[in-house]
Amino acid sequence: MRLLKHTDTHIYIFTNDKHQLKLANPGHKNKDELYKWLKIIAYDYDIMMKGRQ
């Protein structure tokens, strides 16, 4: 997972399987907590997309 852009309202990430996601910023102040949350979202999204094929 790679962080592309971070704004006050949205976070743009690139998953390991090359999917680009635009997520609403959850407002976490702790960066470790935020990155943990983003990694979980990216991993789950990649699994969901593999299941659709």
PDB file of N, CA and C in Angstrom:
ATOM      1  N   MET A   1       0.842  -1.165   0.000  1.00  0.00           N
ATOM      2  CA  MET A   1       0.000   0.000   0.000  1.00  0.00           C
ATOM      3  C   MET A   1       0.893   1.235   0.000  1.00  0.00           C
ATOM      4  N   ARG A   2       0.470   2.193  -0.796  1.00  0.00           N
ATOM      5  CA  ARG A   2       1.229   3.444  -0.881  1.00  0.00           C
ATOM      6  C   ARG A   2       0.254   4.610  -0.767  1.00  0.00           C
ATOM      7  N   LEU A   3       0.593   5.569   0.058  1.00  0.00           N
ATOM      8  CA  LEU A   3      -0.211   6.760   0.229  1.00  0.00           C
ATOM      9  C   LEU A   3       0.085   7.721  -0.921  1.00  0.00           C
ATOM     10  N   LEU A   4      -0.954   8.108  -1.669  1.00  0.00           N
ATOM     11  CA  LEU A   4      -0.769   9.015  -2.802  1.00  0.00           C
ATOM     12  C   LEU A   4      -0.961  10.471  -2.403  1.00  0.00           C
ATOM     13  N   LYS A   5      -2.048  10.745  -1.680  1.00  0.00           N
ATOM     14  CA  LYS A   5      -2.362  12.126  -1.306  1.00  0.00           C
ATOM     15  C   LYS A   5      -3.187  12.106  -0.032  1.00  0.00           C
ATOM     16  N   HIS A   6      -3.009  13.107   0.801  1.00  0.00           N
ATOM     17  CA  HIS A   6      -3.710  13.197   2.081  1.00  0.00           C
ATOM     18  C   HIS A   6      -4.224  14.619   2.238  1.00  0.00           C
ATOM     19  N   THR A   7      -5.547  14.777   2.307  1.00  0.00           N
ATOM     20  CA  THR A   7      -6.140  16.097   2.523  1.00  0.00           C
ATOM     21  C   THR A   7      -6.950  16.062   3.816  1.00  0.00           C
ATOM     22  N   ASP A   8      -7.563  17.186   4.174  1.00  0.00           N
ATOM     23  CA  ASP A   8      -8.389  17.232   5.385  1.00  0.00           C
ATOM     24  C   ASP A   8      -9.625  16.350   5.274  1.00  0.00           C
ATOM     25  N   THR A   9     -10.117  16.149   4.055  1.00  0.00           N
ATOM     26  CA  THR A   9     -11.363  15.396   3.880  1.00  0.00           C
ATOM     27  C   THR A   9     -11.181  14.013   3.264  1.00  0.00           C
ATOM     28  N   HIS A  10     -10.105  13.797   2.487  1.00  0.00           N
ATOM     29  CA  HIS A  10      -9.925  12.526   1.793  1.00  0.00           C
ATOM     30  C   HIS A  10      -8.486  12.028   1.863  1.00  0.00           C
ATOM     31  N   ILE A  11      -8.355  10.709   1.700  1.00  0.00           N
ATOM     32  CA  ILE A  11      -7.051  10.060   1.603  1.00  0.00           C
ATOM     33  C   ILE A  11      -7.067   9.218   0.333  1.00  0.00           C
ATOM     34  N   TYR A  12      -6.059   9.369  -0.489  1.00  0.00           N
ATOM     35  CA  TYR A  12      -5.939   8.603  -1.728  1.00  0.00           C
ATOM     36  C   TYR A  12      -4.807   7.600  -1.539  1.00  0.00           C
ATOM     37  N   ILE A  13      -5.100   6.310  -1.765  1.00  0.00           N
ATOM     38  CA  ILE A  13      -4.078   5.276  -1.612  1.00  0.00           C
ATOM     39  C   ILE A  13      -4.012   4.407  -2.855  1.00  0.00           C
ATOM     40  N   PHE A  14      -2.888   3.733  -3.020  1.00  0.00           N
ATOM     41  CA  PHE A  14      -2.645   2.795  -4.108  1.00  0.00           C
ATOM     42  C   PHE A  14      -2.395   1.450  -3.446  1.00  0.00           C
ATOM     43  N   THR A  15      -3.242   0.444  -3.714  1.00  0.00           N
ATOM     44  CA  THR A  15      -3.102  -0.849  -3.055  1.00  0.00           C
ATOM     45  C   THR A  15      -1.977  -1.658  -3.696  1.00  0.00           C
ATOM     46  N   ASN A  16      -1.647  -2.782  -3.074  1.00  0.00           N
ATOM     47  CA  ASN A  16      -0.581  -3.649  -3.588  1.00  0.00           C
ATOM     48  C   ASN A  16      -0.923  -4.225  -4.959  1.00  0.00           C
ATOM     49  N   ASP A  17      -2.213  -4.413  -5.234  1.00  0.00           N
ATOM     50  CA  ASP A  17      -2.653  -4.952  -6.528  1.00  0.00           C
ATOM     51  C   ASP A  17      -2.971  -3.844  -7.535  1.00  0.00           C
ATOM     52  N   LYS A  18      -2.476  -2.652  -7.298  1.00  0.00           N
ATOM     53  CA  LYS A  18      -2.569  -1.506  -8.217  1.00  0.00           C
ATOM     54  C   LYS A  18      -3.977  -0.927  -8.355  1.00  0.00           C
ATOM     55  N   HIS A  19      -4.763  -0.956  -7.290  1.00  0.00           N
ATOM     56  CA  HIS A  19      -6.062  -0.297  -7.272  1.00  0.00           C
ATOM     57  C   HIS A  19      -5.908   1.042  -6.561  1.00  0.00           C
ATOM     58  N   GLN A  20      -6.503   2.084  -7.131  1.00  0.00           N
ATOM     59  CA  GLN A  20      -6.457   3.396  -6.497  1.00  0.00           C
ATOM     60  C   GLN A  20      -7.774   3.623  -5.771  1.00  0.00           C
ATOM     61  N   LEU A  21      -7.691   4.004  -4.493  1.00  0.00           N
ATOM     62  CA  LEU A  21      -8.881   4.213  -3.679  1.00  0.00           C
ATOM     63  C   LEU A  21      -8.907   5.648  -3.153  1.00  0.00           C
ATOM     64  N   LYS A  22     -10.112   6.217  -3.111  1.00  0.00           N
ATOM     65  CA  LYS A  22     -10.339   7.523  -2.499  1.00  0.00           C
ATOM     66  C   LYS A  22     -11.211   7.262  -1.276  1.00  0.00           C
ATOM     67  N   LEU A  23     -10.674   7.547  -0.104  1.00  0.00           N
ATOM     68  CA  LEU A  23     -11.369   7.262   1.145  1.00  0.00           C
ATOM     69  C   LEU A  23     -11.638   8.549   1.907  1.00  0.00           C
ATOM     70  N   ALA A  24     -12.736   8.556   2.637  1.00  0.00           N
ATOM     71  CA  ALA A  24     -13.007   9.687   3.523  1.00  0.00           C
ATOM     72  C   ALA A  24     -12.005   9.641   4.667  1.00  0.00           C
ATOM     73  N   ASN A  25     -11.451  10.774   5.011  1.00  0.00           N
ATOM     74  CA  ASN A  25     -10.470  10.849   6.094  1.00  0.00           C
ATOM     75  C   ASN A  25     -11.183  10.570   7.420  1.00  0.00           C
ATOM     76  N   PRO A  26     -10.751   9.525   8.165  1.00  0.00           N
ATOM     77  CA  PRO A  26     -11.430   9.193   9.421  1.00  0.00           C
ATOM     78  C   PRO A  26     -11.104  10.143  10.560  1.00  0.00           C
ATOM     79  N   GLY A  27     -10.117  11.003  10.372  1.00  0.00           N
ATOM     80  CA  GLY A  27      -9.783  11.988  11.385  1.00  0.00           C
ATOM     81  C   GLY A  27      -8.875  11.481  12.493  1.00  0.00           C
ATOM     82  N   HIS A  28      -8.198  10.348  12.281  1.00  0.00           N
ATOM     83  CA  HIS A  28      -7.263   9.839  13.283  1.00  0.00           C
ATOM     84  C   HIS A  28      -6.106  10.805  13.461  1.00  0.00           C
ATOM     85  N   LYS A  29      -5.782  11.132  14.677  1.00  0.00           N
ATOM     86  CA  LYS A  29      -4.650  12.019  14.959  1.00  0.00           C
ATOM     87  C   LYS A  29      -3.345  11.227  15.057  1.00  0.00           C
ATOM     88  N   ASN A  30      -3.438   9.962  15.455  1.00  0.00           N
ATOM     89  CA  ASN A  30      -2.271   9.102  15.610  1.00  0.00           C
ATOM     90  C   ASN A  30      -1.918   8.492  14.252  1.00  0.00           C
ATOM     91  N   LYS A  31      -0.751   8.817  13.710  1.00  0.00           N
ATOM     92  CA  LYS A  31      -0.359   8.333  12.379  1.00  0.00           C
ATOM     93  C   LYS A  31      -0.246   6.814  12.324  1.00  0.00           C
ATOM     94  N   ASP A  32       0.238   6.180  13.409  1.00  0.00           N
ATOM     95  CA  ASP A  32       0.341   4.715  13.428  1.00  0.00           C
ATOM     96  C   ASP A  32      -1.032   4.078  13.293  1.00  0.00           C
ATOM     97  N   GLU A  33      -2.019   4.640  13.979  1.00  0.00           N
ATOM     98  CA  GLU A  33      -3.389   4.135  13.910  1.00  0.00           C
ATOM     99  C   GLU A  33      -3.958   4.334  12.505  1.00  0.00           C
ATOM    100  N   LEU A  34      -3.675   5.478  11.900  1.00  0.00           N
ATOM    101  CA  LEU A  34      -4.157   5.771  10.552  1.00  0.00           C
ATOM    102  C   LEU A  34      -3.571   4.797   9.534  1.00  0.00           C
ATOM    103  N   TYR A  35      -2.249   4.570   9.578  1.00  0.00           N
ATOM    104  CA  TYR A  35      -1.620   3.660   8.623  1.00  0.00           C
ATOM    105  C   TYR A  35      -2.090   2.221   8.816  1.00  0.00           C
ATOM    106  N   LYS A  36      -2.334   1.822  10.054  1.00  0.00           N
ATOM    107  CA  LYS A  36      -2.866   0.481  10.323  1.00  0.00           C
ATOM    108  C   LYS A  36      -4.244   0.341   9.675  1.00  0.00           C
ATOM    109  N   TRP A  37      -5.080   1.350   9.836  1.00  0.00           N
ATOM    110  CA  TRP A  37      -6.420   1.351   9.255  1.00  0.00           C
ATOM    111  C   TRP A  37      -6.343   1.305   7.731  1.00  0.00           C
ATOM    112  N   LEU A  38      -5.448   2.102   7.127  1.00  0.00           N
ATOM    113  CA  LEU A  38      -5.316   2.133   5.664  1.00  0.00           C
ATOM    114  C   LEU A  38      -4.818   0.796   5.119  1.00  0.00           C
ATOM    115  N   LYS A  39      -3.876   0.152   5.800  1.00  0.00           N
ATOM    116  CA  LYS A  39      -3.374  -1.152   5.359  1.00  0.00           C
ATOM    117  C   LYS A  39      -4.470  -2.203   5.388  1.00  0.00           C
ATOM    118  N   ILE A  40      -5.309  -2.173   6.413  1.00  0.00           N
ATOM    119  CA  ILE A  40      -6.427  -3.120   6.508  1.00  0.00           C
ATOM    120  C   ILE A  40      -7.402  -2.902   5.355  1.00  0.00           C
ATOM    121  N   ILE A  41      -7.742  -1.641   5.079  1.00  0.00           N
ATOM    122  CA  ILE A  41      -8.664  -1.319   3.983  1.00  0.00           C
ATOM    123  C   ILE A  41      -8.090  -1.782   2.642  1.00  0.00           C
ATOM    124  N   ALA A  42      -6.821  -1.484   2.382  1.00  0.00           N
ATOM    125  CA  ALA A  42      -6.186  -1.848   1.115  1.00  0.00           C
ATOM    126  C   ALA A  42      -6.146  -3.365   0.950  1.00  0.00           C
ATOM    127  N   TYR A  43      -5.783  -4.088   1.998  1.00  0.00           N
ATOM    128  CA  TYR A  43      -5.699  -5.547   1.939  1.00  0.00           C
ATOM    129  C   TYR A  43      -7.089  -6.147   1.680  1.00  0.00           C
ATOM    130  N   ASP A  44      -8.092  -5.694   2.416  1.00  0.00           N
ATOM    131  CA  ASP A  44      -9.455  -6.212   2.234  1.00  0.00           C
ATOM    132  C   ASP A  44      -9.997  -5.901   0.843  1.00  0.00           C
ATOM    133  N   TYR A  45      -9.695  -4.735   0.313  1.00  0.00           N
ATOM    134  CA  TYR A  45     -10.160  -4.372  -1.025  1.00  0.00           C
ATOM    135  C   TYR A  45      -9.532  -5.279  -2.078  1.00  0.00           C
ATOM    136  N   ASP A  46      -8.233  -5.546  -1.949  1.00  0.00           N
ATOM    137  CA  ASP A  46      -7.559  -6.437  -2.907  1.00  0.00           C
ATOM    138  C   ASP A  46      -8.160  -7.830  -2.853  1.00  0.00           C
ATOM    139  N   ILE A  47      -8.462  -8.343  -1.674  1.00  0.00           N
ATOM    140  CA  ILE A  47      -9.081  -9.666  -1.544  1.00  0.00           C
ATOM    141  C   ILE A  47     -10.478  -9.656  -2.187  1.00  0.00           C
ATOM    142  N   MET A  48     -11.243  -8.591  -1.942  1.00  0.00           N
ATOM    143  CA  MET A  48     -12.579  -8.498  -2.514  1.00  0.00           C
ATOM    144  C   MET A  48     -12.523  -8.485  -4.054  1.00  0.00           C
ATOM    145  N   MET A  49     -11.581  -7.761  -4.618  1.00  0.00           N
ATOM    146  CA  MET A  49     -11.471  -7.686  -6.065  1.00  0.00           C
ATOM    147  C   MET A  49     -11.002  -9.016  -6.666  1.00  0.00           C
ATOM    148  N   LYS A  50     -10.163  -9.760  -5.979  1.00  0.00           N
ATOM    149  CA  LYS A  50      -9.749 -11.087  -6.468  1.00  0.00           C
ATOM    150  C   LYS A  50     -10.929 -12.035  -6.472  1.00  0.00           C
ATOM    151  N   GLY A  51     -11.822 -11.908  -5.505  1.00  0.00           N
ATOM    152  CA  GLY A  51     -13.005 -12.753  -5.416  1.00  0.00           C
ATOM    153  C   GLY A  51     -14.005 -12.485  -6.533  1.00  0.00           C
ATOM    154  N   ARG A  52     -13.970 -11.307  -7.111  1.00  0.00           N
ATOM    155  CA  ARG A  52     -14.915 -10.936  -8.174  1.00  0.00           C
ATOM    156  C   ARG A  52     -14.485 -11.492  -9.531  1.00  0.00           C
ATOM    157  N   GLN A  53     -13.247 -11.925  -9.650  1.00  0.00           N
ATOM    158  CA  GLN A  53     -12.741 -12.388 -10.966  1.00  0.00           C
ATOM    159  C   GLN A  53     -12.976 -13.853 -11.169  1.00  0.00           C
TER     160      GLN A  53
END
